Amino acid sequence: MIMGVIHVGGPSGPNRTRGKMPLPRLPLPLLPLIILGAPTSRAELPPPEYIQFSPAATMGAIYFPDPEVHSKPHIAVVNMHRTENRLAHISMREMANRGFVILGMNPRCQNNEAKCAPWENNALDVKQGIEYVRNIPGIDTVILMGGSGGGPTMSFYQAVAENGIEFCQQEHKLTKCPDGLADLPLADGIVFRDAHLGNGANALRSLSPAVTNDADIMASNAEPKLDSSLDPFKSENGFNPNGASNYGAAFKEKYFRAQSARMNRLIDIALERMKDIENGTYRYPDDDAFIIPRSDNARLMRLDPSIDHSTIRPRKMIRNDGTIDDCCIVESVRPVSSSPEENASFGDGTRMLTLRSFLSTRAIRSTQAMTEIDWCSSNNSTVCNVQHISVPVLITAMGGHYFLRNTEITYELAASKDKDFVVIEGAVHGITPCTKCMPSGEEYDGRYDNSVTNYFDYVANWINERF
């Protein structure tokens, strides 16, 4: 349900209520929160409009192209993440400059993953966005845009829209979607920007498997006990505090299996408590805190660049000069990152969730964290979802990040007959140039400066060629 529209800007812009009841203008002290982005030299874009959806945490900002350059836009893009702010994302002005109407949305659990209980309800926010842009005069096509955690968000939405709630209520799912997700309106295509495999898979690969006493931690806030043979920050295991680490094959296999074992233990604890809640024997009738120490910043691929360092087949890559190579396996130029301090800290290494949000958002079954994942045990799984989508999909990877192989897996398993995959040379996860992606001792020399232009030009051309 759309509650109203607040128009930011003067009467000269294309600010129309489009049949919706406008809310009063916000008081002046709040206006800086609504005036989004900075002026662009490429086009005189009308001021964006703020849209209040329901519930109150769900909100959006819609950008229109310059009417003197693009007088009759017919394609709208809906851009949303799992939790992050998309109201002033880099894609907003870039896509509007290229002739698209684009709605950036913040979901109901924005900035608070613990509110994703269940995460599946974010699909109701996407639904509102699609219905809103479909109501704009002239719009006949809607494209979903999902970057990073927006990948599982948008792929889940479309998979349910195409297949019905039976898809997300299968018996083996860790959480079942609510009946309210029935009859979702279809989108016409999806653009995935460096989308990961799913938040459960991300959490699985980020867990430190060195923690051995999760039951005690959950029961009595015990201090984590660590198995040093599984500590990725021990030099005897291959860690290098001064550069790239080099873990042996035996350690990696042991590590990845231990990550799965810890995730499965956490899932079992959460499911047992949920069973007690359903039986009325738990201390709370609805949910409980689920705090997981050392649950982030222990991803081996961020420490050892030999892990998932490339595509496994020759793929298209957009060079900085705009030319496209398709001859070769594409190598990531990412630098190493992550530290023992981050993993051990509360702010960077600990996840503060609830039972429901953990099971819905951060849990997935597996026996080996890299190669043996039960992708469809979670609804929050890009890999599972794209196997049940038929609309055209564009899957893009950033050459300065560590999701190259992730995105290639998504491309390989996508069921869409019309699917495309491309890597942007030297771009970080957020599309901008990777200024740290340089050979050791060398300063950045501008070699990736065109990553943003190259990315959005390719996306715009891909959409326009099809719609």
Protein backbone atom coordinates (compact mmCIF):
# COMPACT_ATOMS: atom_id res chain seq x y z
CA MET A 1 0.00 0.00 0.00
CA ILE A 2 1.39 3.38 -1.04
CA MET A 3 0.69 5.97 1.59
CA GLY A 4 1.69 9.04 -0.33
CA VAL A 5 4.22 11.04 -2.28
CA ILE A 6 6.31 13.99 -1.20
CA HIS A 7 7.59 15.99 -4.13
CA VAL A 8 10.99 17.56 -3.70
CA GLY A 9 11.64 20.40 -6.07
CA GLY A 10 9.78 23.25 -7.67
CA PRO A 11 6.66 23.09 -9.79
CA SER A 12 8.69 23.09 -13.00
CA GLY A 13 9.78 19.44 -12.55
CA PRO A 14 7.67 16.45 -13.57
CA ASN A 15 6.22 16.26 -10.09
CA ARG A 16 2.83 14.67 -10.36
CA THR A 17 0.90 12.61 -7.85
CA ARG A 18 -0.03 10.12 -10.59
CA GLY A 19 -3.31 9.40 -8.96
CA LYS A 20 -1.86 9.02 -5.46
CA MET A 21 -2.74 11.15 -2.46
CA PRO A 22 0.27 13.39 -1.69
CA LEU A 23 1.53 13.72 1.84
CA PRO A 24 2.20 17.18 3.24
CA ARG A 25 5.66 18.55 2.57
CA LEU A 26 8.11 17.67 5.26
CA PRO A 27 9.21 20.45 7.61
CA LEU A 28 12.31 22.32 6.55
CA PRO A 29 14.74 20.65 9.01
CA LEU A 30 14.06 17.29 7.36
CA LEU A 31 14.52 18.43 3.79
CA PRO A 32 18.23 17.52 3.58
CA LEU A 33 17.17 13.90 4.05
CA ILE A 34 15.00 14.10 0.96
CA ILE A 35 17.07 16.17 -1.46
CA LEU A 36 19.11 13.31 -2.83
CA GLY A 37 22.29 13.30 -4.82
CA ALA A 38 24.24 16.15 -6.35
CA PRO A 39 23.71 18.07 -9.60
CA THR A 40 25.06 16.30 -12.64
CA SER A 41 26.82 17.84 -15.60
CA ARG A 42 25.44 15.23 -17.99
CA ALA A 43 21.79 16.29 -17.85
CA GLU A 44 19.46 18.51 -15.93
CA LEU A 45 17.55 15.88 -14.07
CA PRO A 46 14.31 16.88 -12.34
CA PRO A 47 14.51 16.71 -8.56
CA PRO A 48 13.86 13.22 -7.22
CA GLU A 49 10.59 12.53 -5.48
CA TYR A 50 10.30 10.83 -2.11
CA ILE A 51 7.64 8.12 -1.80
CA GLN A 52 6.35 6.75 1.49
CA PHE A 53 5.31 3.13 1.22
CA SER A 54 3.92 0.82 3.90
CA PRO A 55 5.08 -0.04 6.53
CA ALA A 56 6.72 3.23 7.54
CA ALA A 57 10.25 1.87 7.18
CA THR A 58 9.64 1.14 3.48
CA MET A 59 10.40 4.18 1.38
CA GLY A 60 11.59 5.19 -2.04
CA ALA A 61 13.01 7.96 -4.17
CA ILE A 62 12.11 8.12 -7.84
CA TYR A 63 14.29 9.80 -10.47
CA PHE A 64 13.14 10.87 -13.91
CA PRO A 65 15.32 11.59 -16.95
CA ASP A 66 15.71 15.08 -18.36
CA PRO A 67 12.42 15.60 -20.27
CA GLU A 68 14.21 17.68 -22.91
CA VAL A 69 16.50 14.76 -23.71
CA HIS A 70 14.19 11.81 -22.99
CA SER A 71 10.66 13.06 -23.41
CA LYS A 72 8.82 9.72 -23.35
CA PRO A 73 10.56 7.15 -21.15
CA HIS A 74 8.79 3.80 -21.25
CA ILE A 75 11.09 1.68 -19.06
CA ALA A 76 11.25 1.90 -15.27
CA VAL A 77 13.86 0.29 -13.05
CA VAL A 78 13.23 -0.76 -9.44
CA ASN A 79 16.43 -0.98 -7.37
CA MET A 80 16.44 -2.52 -3.88
CA HIS A 81 18.83 -4.28 -1.50
CA ARG A 82 18.08 -6.50 1.47
CA THR A 83 18.84 -3.80 4.07
CA GLU A 84 20.85 -0.97 2.51
CA ASN A 85 19.83 2.53 1.44
CA ARG A 86 19.14 2.85 -2.29
CA LEU A 87 17.56 6.31 -2.28
CA ALA A 88 20.74 8.03 -3.48
CA HIS A 89 22.66 5.07 -4.86
CA ILE A 90 25.07 5.70 -7.73
CA SER A 91 22.67 3.89 -10.08
CA MET A 92 19.92 6.45 -9.59
CA ARG A 93 21.35 9.37 -11.51
CA GLU A 94 23.35 7.16 -13.85
CA MET A 95 20.24 5.34 -15.06
CA ALA A 96 18.12 8.48 -15.17
CA ASN A 97 20.83 10.15 -17.26
CA ARG A 98 20.46 7.32 -19.73
CA GLY A 99 16.72 7.76 -20.17
CA PHE A 100 15.19 5.48 -17.56
CA VAL A 101 12.78 6.17 -14.76
CA ILE A 102 14.33 4.58 -11.68
CA LEU A 103 12.89 3.96 -8.24
CA GLY A 104 15.37 3.33 -5.42
CA MET A 105 13.77 1.62 -2.45
CA ASN A 106 14.66 0.98 1.18
CA PRO A 107 12.93 -2.18 2.48
CA ARG A 108 11.10 -2.70 5.75
CA CYS A 109 14.26 -4.06 7.40
CA GLN A 110 16.50 -1.27 6.16
CA ASN A 111 19.68 -0.88 8.20
CA ASN A 112 18.58 -3.63 10.61
CA GLU A 113 18.86 -7.22 9.48
CA ALA A 114 17.28 -8.39 12.73
CA LYS A 115 14.05 -6.86 11.41
CA CYS A 116 14.10 -9.26 8.46
CA ALA A 117 11.80 -11.64 10.30
CA PRO A 118 10.94 -12.98 7.87
CA TRP A 119 13.15 -11.61 5.12
CA GLU A 120 10.71 -13.04 2.58
CA ASN A 121 8.34 -10.14 3.31
CA ASN A 122 10.74 -7.79 1.53
CA ALA A 123 9.05 -9.11 -1.60
CA LEU A 124 5.97 -7.12 -0.57
CA ASP A 125 8.09 -3.98 -0.77
CA VAL A 126 9.29 -4.87 -4.27
CA LYS A 127 5.65 -5.48 -5.18
CA GLN A 128 4.72 -1.97 -4.08
CA GLY A 129 7.55 -0.53 -6.14
CA ILE A 130 6.50 -2.39 -9.28
CA GLU A 131 2.89 -1.36 -8.85
CA TYR A 132 3.93 2.25 -8.35
CA VAL A 133 6.05 2.55 -11.49
CA ARG A 134 3.50 0.61 -13.57
CA ASN A 135 1.07 3.40 -12.71
CA ILE A 136 3.30 6.08 -14.26
CA PRO A 137 1.92 7.18 -17.65
CA GLY A 138 3.94 5.74 -20.52
CA ILE A 139 5.72 3.02 -18.54
CA ASP A 140 5.24 -0.39 -20.15
CA THR A 141 8.34 -2.25 -18.93
CA VAL A 142 9.76 -2.82 -15.44
CA ILE A 143 13.30 -4.06 -14.81
CA LEU A 144 14.50 -5.15 -11.38
CA MET A 145 18.01 -4.16 -10.33
CA GLY A 146 19.68 -6.13 -7.56
CA GLY A 147 23.21 -5.41 -6.43
CA SER A 148 25.03 -7.55 -3.86
CA GLY A 149 22.29 -8.57 -1.38
CA GLY A 150 19.77 -7.24 -3.86
CA GLY A 151 20.55 -10.32 -5.93
CA PRO A 152 18.74 -12.80 -3.69
CA THR A 153 16.07 -10.16 -3.01
CA MET A 154 15.14 -9.59 -6.64
CA SER A 155 15.64 -13.18 -7.79
CA PHE A 156 13.42 -14.43 -4.97
CA TYR A 157 10.73 -11.93 -5.90
CA GLN A 158 10.67 -12.96 -9.56
CA ALA A 159 10.86 -16.68 -8.80
CA VAL A 160 7.78 -16.42 -6.57
CA ALA A 161 6.00 -14.15 -9.06
CA GLU A 162 6.55 -16.71 -11.84
CA ASN A 163 5.98 -19.90 -9.84
CA GLY A 164 3.64 -18.97 -7.00
CA ILE A 165 4.05 -19.41 -3.26
CA GLU A 166 4.49 -23.16 -3.66
CA PHE A 167 8.07 -22.32 -4.66
CA CYS A 168 8.88 -20.69 -1.31
CA GLN A 169 6.85 -23.00 0.92
CA GLN A 170 8.55 -26.26 0.03
CA GLU A 171 9.04 -28.64 2.93
CA HIS A 172 12.85 -28.54 2.97
CA LYS A 173 13.03 -24.73 3.23
CA LEU A 174 14.40 -23.53 6.56
CA THR A 175 11.67 -20.88 6.55
CA LYS A 176 8.46 -20.81 4.54
CA CYS A 177 7.17 -17.65 2.93
CA PRO A 178 3.77 -16.30 4.09
CA ASP A 179 0.64 -16.74 2.00
CA GLY A 180 0.57 -12.97 1.46
CA LEU A 181 3.17 -13.38 -1.28
CA ALA A 182 0.62 -14.95 -3.61
CA ASP A 183 -0.08 -13.30 -6.99
CA LEU A 184 2.94 -10.98 -7.15
CA PRO A 185 3.03 -8.87 -10.33
CA LEU A 186 5.75 -9.93 -12.77
CA ALA A 187 8.78 -7.89 -13.72
CA ASP A 188 10.10 -8.00 -17.29
CA GLY A 189 13.80 -8.56 -16.63
CA ILE A 190 16.53 -8.41 -13.98
CA VAL A 191 19.96 -6.78 -13.82
CA PHE A 192 22.26 -8.36 -11.22
CA ARG A 193 25.16 -6.13 -10.15
CA ASP A 194 27.91 -8.18 -8.49
CA ALA A 195 25.18 -10.14 -6.74
CA HIS A 196 26.30 -12.75 -4.28
CA LEU A 197 25.02 -16.31 -4.07
CA GLY A 198 22.69 -15.55 -1.17
CA ASN A 199 23.03 -14.21 2.34
CA GLY A 200 23.08 -17.69 3.80
CA ALA A 201 25.98 -18.69 1.56
CA ASN A 202 27.74 -15.41 2.34
CA ALA A 203 27.31 -16.00 6.07
CA LEU A 204 28.48 -19.60 5.74
CA ARG A 205 31.72 -18.59 4.03
CA SER A 206 32.31 -15.73 6.47
CA LEU A 207 31.95 -17.79 9.66
CA SER A 208 35.02 -18.63 11.68
CA PRO A 209 34.81 -22.40 12.14
CA ALA A 210 37.31 -22.15 14.98
CA VAL A 211 34.46 -21.46 17.44
CA THR A 212 33.52 -24.73 19.15
CA ASN A 213 31.00 -23.80 21.89
CA ASP A 214 28.06 -22.06 20.24
CA ALA A 215 25.56 -23.88 22.48
CA ASP A 216 27.20 -22.39 25.58
CA ILE A 217 27.46 -18.97 23.94
CA MET A 218 23.74 -19.00 23.17
CA ALA A 219 22.74 -20.42 26.56
CA SER A 220 24.88 -18.34 28.90
CA ASN A 221 26.80 -15.75 26.86
CA ALA A 222 29.97 -17.79 27.31
CA GLU A 223 33.25 -16.58 25.88
CA PRO A 224 33.98 -18.22 22.51
CA LYS A 225 36.39 -21.14 22.66
CA LEU A 226 38.63 -21.52 19.63
CA ASP A 227 40.21 -24.51 17.95
CA SER A 228 43.57 -23.12 16.86
CA SER A 229 43.87 -25.71 14.09
CA LEU A 230 40.92 -23.97 12.38
CA ASP A 231 41.95 -20.38 13.10
CA PRO A 232 42.55 -18.64 9.76
CA PHE A 233 44.64 -15.98 11.46
CA LYS A 234 47.35 -18.36 12.70
CA SER A 235 50.61 -18.31 10.75
CA GLU A 236 51.00 -22.06 11.14
CA ASN A 237 47.76 -22.43 9.16
CA GLY A 238 48.97 -20.20 6.31
CA PHE A 239 48.07 -16.69 7.48
CA ASN A 240 50.30 -13.81 6.42
CA PRO A 241 49.65 -10.60 8.39
CA ASN A 242 51.67 -8.55 5.92
CA GLY A 243 50.10 -9.56 2.63
CA ALA A 244 48.44 -12.43 0.81
CA SER A 245 47.99 -15.59 2.84
CA ASN A 246 48.62 -19.01 1.37
CA TYR A 247 46.57 -21.84 2.83
CA GLY A 248 47.33 -25.43 1.91
CA ALA A 249 44.79 -27.70 0.26
CA ALA A 250 44.33 -29.83 3.37
CA PHE A 251 43.67 -26.82 5.59
CA LYS A 252 41.19 -25.32 3.13
CA GLU A 253 39.21 -28.53 2.86
CA LYS A 254 39.14 -28.92 6.65
CA TYR A 255 38.18 -25.26 7.05
CA PHE A 256 35.32 -25.32 4.55
CA ARG A 257 33.84 -28.47 6.06
CA ALA A 258 34.16 -27.01 9.55
CA GLN A 259 32.35 -23.85 8.40
CA SER A 260 29.45 -26.03 7.27
CA ALA A 261 29.49 -27.95 10.54
CA ARG A 262 29.31 -24.74 12.59
CA MET A 263 26.51 -23.33 10.43
CA ASN A 264 24.54 -26.56 10.81
CA ARG A 265 24.98 -26.43 14.58
CA LEU A 266 23.68 -22.86 14.66
CA ILE A 267 20.70 -23.83 12.51
CA ASP A 268 19.88 -26.74 14.82
CA ILE A 269 19.99 -24.48 17.89
CA ALA A 270 17.69 -21.94 16.22
CA LEU A 271 15.24 -24.58 14.98
CA GLU A 272 15.04 -26.20 18.40
CA ARG A 273 14.21 -22.87 20.01
CA MET A 274 11.61 -22.12 17.33
CA LYS A 275 10.03 -25.50 18.03
CA ASP A 276 9.78 -24.57 21.71
CA ILE A 277 8.18 -21.25 20.77
CA GLU A 278 5.59 -23.02 18.61
CA ASN A 279 4.87 -25.44 21.47
CA GLY A 280 4.44 -22.59 23.93
CA THR A 281 7.29 -23.79 26.15
CA TYR A 282 9.85 -21.07 25.42
CA ARG A 283 10.47 -18.01 27.57
CA TYR A 284 9.22 -15.71 24.80
CA PRO A 285 6.12 -16.36 22.70
CA ASP A 286 7.45 -14.93 19.43
CA ASP A 287 11.22 -14.72 18.94
CA ASP A 288 14.54 -14.23 20.73
CA ALA A 289 17.94 -12.66 20.23
CA PHE A 290 20.46 -14.75 18.31
CA ILE A 291 23.94 -13.25 18.63
CA ILE A 292 26.77 -14.98 16.77
CA PRO A 293 30.37 -14.00 17.62
CA ARG A 294 33.11 -14.41 15.01
CA SER A 295 30.47 -14.80 12.34
CA ASP A 296 31.99 -12.38 9.83
CA ASN A 297 35.34 -11.43 8.28
CA ALA A 298 36.73 -14.97 8.25
CA ARG A 299 36.20 -15.57 4.52
CA LEU A 300 39.34 -17.28 3.22
CA MET A 301 39.03 -15.79 -0.26
CA ARG A 302 39.55 -12.33 1.24
CA LEU A 303 42.83 -13.50 2.76
CA ASP A 304 44.11 -15.86 0.08
CA PRO A 305 43.59 -14.42 -3.43
CA SER A 306 44.17 -17.83 -5.01
CA ILE A 307 40.69 -18.90 -3.85
CA ASP A 308 37.96 -18.12 -6.41
CA HIS A 309 40.40 -15.76 -8.09
CA SER A 310 38.89 -16.00 -11.57
CA THR A 311 36.16 -17.26 -13.79
CA ILE A 312 36.63 -20.88 -14.84
CA ARG A 313 35.78 -20.23 -18.50
CA PRO A 314 36.56 -17.39 -20.92
CA ARG A 315 34.10 -14.56 -20.30
CA LYS A 316 33.39 -11.08 -21.61
CA MET A 317 35.23 -8.25 -19.88
CA ILE A 318 34.79 -4.54 -20.54
CA ARG A 319 38.21 -2.91 -20.67
CA ASN A 320 38.75 0.58 -19.34
CA ASP A 321 38.76 1.94 -22.93
CA GLY A 322 35.29 0.49 -23.49
CA THR A 323 36.35 -2.42 -25.70
CA ILE A 324 35.12 -5.91 -24.82
CA ASP A 325 37.39 -8.94 -24.64
CA ASP A 326 35.82 -12.39 -24.72
CA CYS A 327 38.89 -14.48 -25.31
CA CYS A 328 40.08 -15.41 -21.90
CA ILE A 329 39.48 -16.49 -18.34
CA VAL A 330 39.01 -13.30 -16.31
CA GLU A 331 41.24 -12.79 -13.28
CA SER A 332 40.20 -10.66 -10.30
CA VAL A 333 42.62 -7.85 -9.42
CA ARG A 334 41.25 -7.55 -5.88
CA PRO A 335 43.60 -6.80 -2.99
CA VAL A 336 43.58 -8.92 0.16
CA SER A 337 41.47 -7.69 3.05
CA SER A 338 40.16 -8.75 6.47
CA SER A 339 42.04 -8.98 9.73
CA PRO A 340 41.98 -10.93 13.01
CA GLU A 341 40.90 -7.76 14.80
CA GLU A 342 37.81 -7.45 12.60
CA ASN A 343 36.81 -11.06 13.09
CA ALA A 344 37.23 -10.89 16.87
CA SER A 345 35.46 -7.56 17.32
CA PHE A 346 31.85 -6.93 18.25
CA GLY A 347 31.28 -4.30 15.59
CA ASP A 348 32.75 -6.12 12.58
CA GLY A 349 32.77 -9.78 13.56
CA THR A 350 29.51 -10.30 15.45
CA ARG A 351 26.01 -10.65 13.99
CA MET A 352 23.10 -9.46 16.11
CA LEU A 353 20.05 -11.28 14.79
CA THR A 354 16.91 -12.99 16.05
CA LEU A 355 15.96 -16.63 15.66
CA ARG A 356 13.59 -15.79 12.82
CA SER A 357 15.87 -13.38 11.00
CA PHE A 358 18.81 -15.80 11.23
CA LEU A 359 16.84 -18.69 9.77
CA SER A 360 15.27 -16.51 7.11
CA THR A 361 18.32 -14.47 6.11
CA ARG A 362 21.62 -15.96 7.26
CA ALA A 363 21.16 -19.72 7.32
CA ILE A 364 21.73 -22.39 4.68
CA ARG A 365 22.43 -26.13 4.85
CA SER A 366 25.71 -27.52 3.50
CA THR A 367 28.46 -30.06 4.05
CA GLN A 368 31.30 -28.06 2.45
CA ALA A 369 31.15 -24.27 2.31
CA MET A 370 32.48 -23.89 -1.22
CA THR A 371 31.26 -26.88 -3.18
CA GLU A 372 28.52 -28.76 -1.30
CA ILE A 373 25.73 -26.30 -0.50
CA ASP A 374 22.04 -27.18 -0.47
CA TRP A 375 21.14 -24.04 -2.40
CA CYS A 376 17.38 -24.47 -2.13
CA SER A 377 17.31 -25.02 1.64
CA SER A 378 17.01 -21.23 1.87
CA ASN A 379 14.71 -18.81 0.07
CA ASN A 380 17.56 -16.29 0.33
CA SER A 381 19.52 -18.01 -2.43
CA THR A 382 20.25 -16.34 -5.75
CA VAL A 383 21.52 -19.65 -7.12
CA CYS A 384 18.30 -21.50 -6.34
CA ASN A 385 16.04 -18.67 -7.45
CA VAL A 386 17.55 -18.05 -10.89
CA GLN A 387 16.88 -21.67 -11.78
CA HIS A 388 13.17 -20.83 -11.63
CA ILE A 389 13.16 -17.54 -13.58
CA SER A 390 12.39 -17.19 -17.28
CA VAL A 391 12.72 -13.44 -17.97
CA PRO A 392 15.93 -12.00 -19.49
CA VAL A 393 18.75 -11.55 -16.97
CA LEU A 394 21.99 -9.59 -17.11
CA ILE A 395 24.59 -10.80 -14.61
CA THR A 396 27.53 -8.47 -14.05
CA ALA A 397 30.70 -8.92 -11.99
CA MET A 398 33.18 -6.37 -10.70
CA GLY A 399 36.80 -7.20 -11.55
CA GLY A 400 38.14 -5.61 -8.37
CA HIS A 401 36.02 -7.73 -6.03
CA TYR A 402 35.91 -11.38 -4.96
CA PHE A 403 32.54 -12.37 -6.46
CA LEU A 404 33.80 -13.30 -9.94
CA ARG A 405 33.22 -17.02 -9.54
CA ASN A 406 30.02 -16.41 -7.55
CA THR A 407 28.46 -14.45 -10.37
CA GLU A 408 29.66 -16.95 -12.94
CA ILE A 409 27.91 -19.75 -11.01
CA THR A 410 24.70 -17.69 -11.05
CA TYR A 411 25.05 -17.23 -14.80
CA GLU A 412 25.74 -20.92 -15.41
CA LEU A 413 22.67 -22.05 -13.48
CA ALA A 414 20.24 -19.34 -14.60
CA ALA A 415 17.32 -20.91 -16.49
CA SER A 416 16.55 -17.82 -18.59
CA LYS A 417 17.02 -18.46 -22.29
CA ASP A 418 18.11 -14.83 -22.69
CA LYS A 419 20.99 -14.37 -20.27
CA ASP A 420 24.21 -12.39 -20.44
CA PHE A 421 27.36 -12.20 -18.30
CA VAL A 422 30.04 -9.52 -18.29
CA VAL A 423 32.89 -8.41 -16.01
CA ILE A 424 33.83 -4.75 -15.51
CA GLU A 425 37.60 -4.38 -15.43
CA GLY A 426 38.97 -3.01 -12.17
CA ALA A 427 35.64 -2.06 -10.60
CA VAL A 428 35.05 -2.48 -6.89
CA HIS A 429 31.86 -3.99 -5.50
CA GLY A 430 30.19 -0.58 -5.72
CA ILE A 431 31.17 -0.08 -9.43
CA THR A 432 33.71 2.72 -8.86
CA PRO A 433 37.41 2.28 -9.81
CA CYS A 434 39.53 0.09 -7.54
CA THR A 435 42.37 2.45 -6.73
CA LYS A 436 43.98 -0.20 -4.48
CA CYS A 437 44.03 -2.83 -7.21
CA MET A 438 47.62 -2.15 -8.21
CA PRO A 439 50.81 -4.21 -8.33
CA SER A 440 52.77 -4.05 -5.09
CA GLY A 441 54.54 -0.73 -4.60
CA GLU A 442 52.79 1.08 -7.45
CA GLU A 443 50.48 4.06 -7.07
CA TYR A 444 47.13 4.19 -8.79
CA ASP A 445 47.54 5.47 -12.36
CA GLY A 446 43.94 5.84 -13.53
CA ARG A 447 43.79 2.48 -15.28
CA TYR A 448 40.20 1.79 -14.14
CA ASP A 449 38.76 5.30 -14.21
CA ASN A 450 36.00 4.50 -16.70
CA SER A 451 34.42 1.67 -14.71
CA VAL A 452 31.24 3.58 -13.86
CA THR A 453 30.61 4.86 -17.38
CA ASN A 454 31.39 1.48 -18.92
CA TYR A 455 29.10 -0.34 -16.52
CA PHE A 456 26.03 1.83 -16.93
CA ASP A 457 26.47 2.19 -20.70
CA TYR A 458 26.46 -1.60 -21.01
CA VAL A 459 23.44 -1.99 -18.74
CA ALA A 460 21.51 0.69 -20.65
CA ASN A 461 22.34 -0.88 -24.01
CA TRP A 462 21.38 -4.34 -22.78
CA ILE A 463 17.98 -3.11 -21.60
CA ASN A 464 17.27 -1.02 -24.70
CA GLU A 465 18.18 -3.85 -27.07
CA ARG A 466 15.53 -6.08 -25.47
CA PHE A 467 12.77 -3.72 -24.44
